[in-house]
C-alpha atoms as a PDB file:
ATOM      1  CA  MET A   1     -44.681 -15.876-149.847  1.00  0.00           C
ATOM      2  CA  ARG A   2     -48.120 -16.036-151.326  1.00  0.00           C
ATOM      3  CA  ASN A   3     -49.882 -17.607-148.360  1.00  0.00           C
ATOM      4  CA  GLY A   4     -49.403 -14.480-146.211  1.00  0.00           C
ATOM      5  CA  MET A   5     -47.063 -16.053-143.672  1.00  0.00           C
ATOM      6  CA  PHE A   6     -44.567 -13.636-142.135  1.00  0.00           C
ATOM      7  CA  VAL A   7     -41.014 -14.896-142.520  1.00  0.00           C
ATOM      8  CA  PRO A   8     -38.434 -12.546-140.911  1.00  0.00           C
ATOM      9  CA  ALA A   9     -35.533 -14.054-142.849  1.00  0.00           C
ATOM     10  CA  THR A  10     -36.962 -12.790-146.145  1.00  0.00           C
ATOM     11  CA  ARG A  11     -36.762  -9.124-145.147  1.00  0.00           C
ATOM     12  CA  ILE A  12     -34.577  -7.141-147.548  1.00  0.00           C
ATOM     13  CA  LYS A  13     -32.631  -4.225-146.157  1.00  0.00           C
ATOM     14  CA  SER A  14     -30.403  -1.820-148.043  1.00  0.00           C
ATOM     15  CA  SER A  15     -27.714   0.207-146.328  1.00  0.00           C
ATOM     16  CA  PRO A  16     -24.872   2.505-147.414  1.00  0.00           C
ATOM     17  CA  ASP A  17     -21.206   1.614-147.072  1.00  0.00           C
ATOM     18  CA  VAL A  18     -20.736   2.475-143.381  1.00  0.00           C
ATOM     19  CA  LYS A  19     -17.528   2.207-141.366  1.00  0.00           C
ATOM     20  CA  ASN A  20     -17.151   1.598-137.621  1.00  0.00           C
ATOM     21  CA  ASP A  21     -17.629   5.240-136.604  1.00  0.00           C
ATOM     22  CA  GLY A  22     -21.066   5.376-138.240  1.00  0.00           C
ATOM     23  CA  LYS A  23     -20.079   7.859-140.955  1.00  0.00           C
ATOM     24  CA  ALA A  24     -20.550   7.011-144.614  1.00  0.00           C
ATOM     25  CA  ARG A  25     -17.293   7.306-146.533  1.00  0.00           C
ATOM     26  CA  PHE A  26     -16.684   8.378-150.087  1.00  0.00           C
ATOM     27  CA  ASP A  27     -13.502   9.042-152.003  1.00  0.00           C
ATOM     28  CA  THR A  28     -13.100  12.720-152.954  1.00  0.00           C
ATOM     29  CA  GLY A  29      -9.797  12.150-154.698  1.00  0.00           C
ATOM     30  CA  LYS A  30      -8.187  14.881-152.582  1.00  0.00           C
ATOM     31  CA  PRO A  31      -5.362  14.128-150.134  1.00  0.00           C
ATOM     32  CA  THR A  32      -6.094  14.568-146.431  1.00  0.00           C
ATOM     33  CA  LEU A  33      -4.273  17.188-144.355  1.00  0.00           C
ATOM     34  CA  THR A  34      -2.065  14.462-142.877  1.00  0.00           C
ATOM     35  CA  GLN A  35      -1.210  13.166-146.340  1.00  0.00           C
ATOM     36  CA  GLN A  36      -0.220  16.731-147.270  1.00  0.00           C
ATOM     37  CA  GLY A  37       2.261  16.772-144.370  1.00  0.00           C
ATOM     38  CA  ILE A  38       0.234  19.113-142.141  1.00  0.00           C
ATOM     39  CA  ASP A  39       0.290  18.450-138.388  1.00  0.00           C
ATOM     40  CA  VAL A  40      -3.436  18.615-137.587  1.00  0.00           C
ATOM     41  CA  ASP A  41      -2.967  18.757-133.799  1.00  0.00           C
ATOM     42  CA  LYS A  42      -0.607  21.743-134.129  1.00  0.00           C
ATOM     43  CA  LEU A  43      -2.982  23.445-136.558  1.00  0.00           C
ATOM     44  CA  ILE A  44      -5.854  23.113-134.071  1.00  0.00           C
ATOM     45  CA  ARG A  45      -3.693  24.344-131.173  1.00  0.00           C
ATOM     46  CA  ASP A  46      -2.485  27.380-133.132  1.00  0.00           C
ATOM     47  CA  ASN A  47      -5.986  28.306-134.348  1.00  0.00           C
ATOM     48  CA  HIS A  48      -8.077  27.267-131.340  1.00  0.00           C
ATOM     49  CA  GLU A  49      -9.586  30.718-130.704  1.00  0.00           C
ATOM     50  CA  PHE A  50     -10.535  31.172-134.364  1.00  0.00           C
ATOM     51  CA  ILE A  51     -12.066  27.679-134.521  1.00  0.00           C
ATOM     52  CA  GLU A  52     -14.175  28.326-131.409  1.00  0.00           C
ATOM     53  CA  ASN A  53     -15.423  31.629-132.849  1.00  0.00           C
ATOM     54  CA  VAL A  54     -16.411  29.911-136.091  1.00  0.00           C
ATOM     55  CA  ARG A  55     -18.269  27.227-134.128  1.00  0.00           C
ATOM     56  CA  LYS A  56     -20.172  29.905-132.203  1.00  0.00           C
ATOM     57  CA  GLY A  57     -20.956  31.789-135.389  1.00  0.00           C
ATOM     58  CA  THR A  58     -19.209  35.007-134.373  1.00  0.00           C
ATOM     59  CA  ARG A  59     -16.896  34.924-137.403  1.00  0.00           C
END
């Protein structure tokens, strides 16, 4: 508006495509582990010690 009046409804805001968990999603074209038939829970259980070491930076 040219007269200098502040009108909140005219504010323009851009935002990425965000899902409910707050993470932006994009399609990589690669199948997920579940889609490949891998049991993710079992994988984590079997490799728990290795995963923790990687998180700590000792591996």
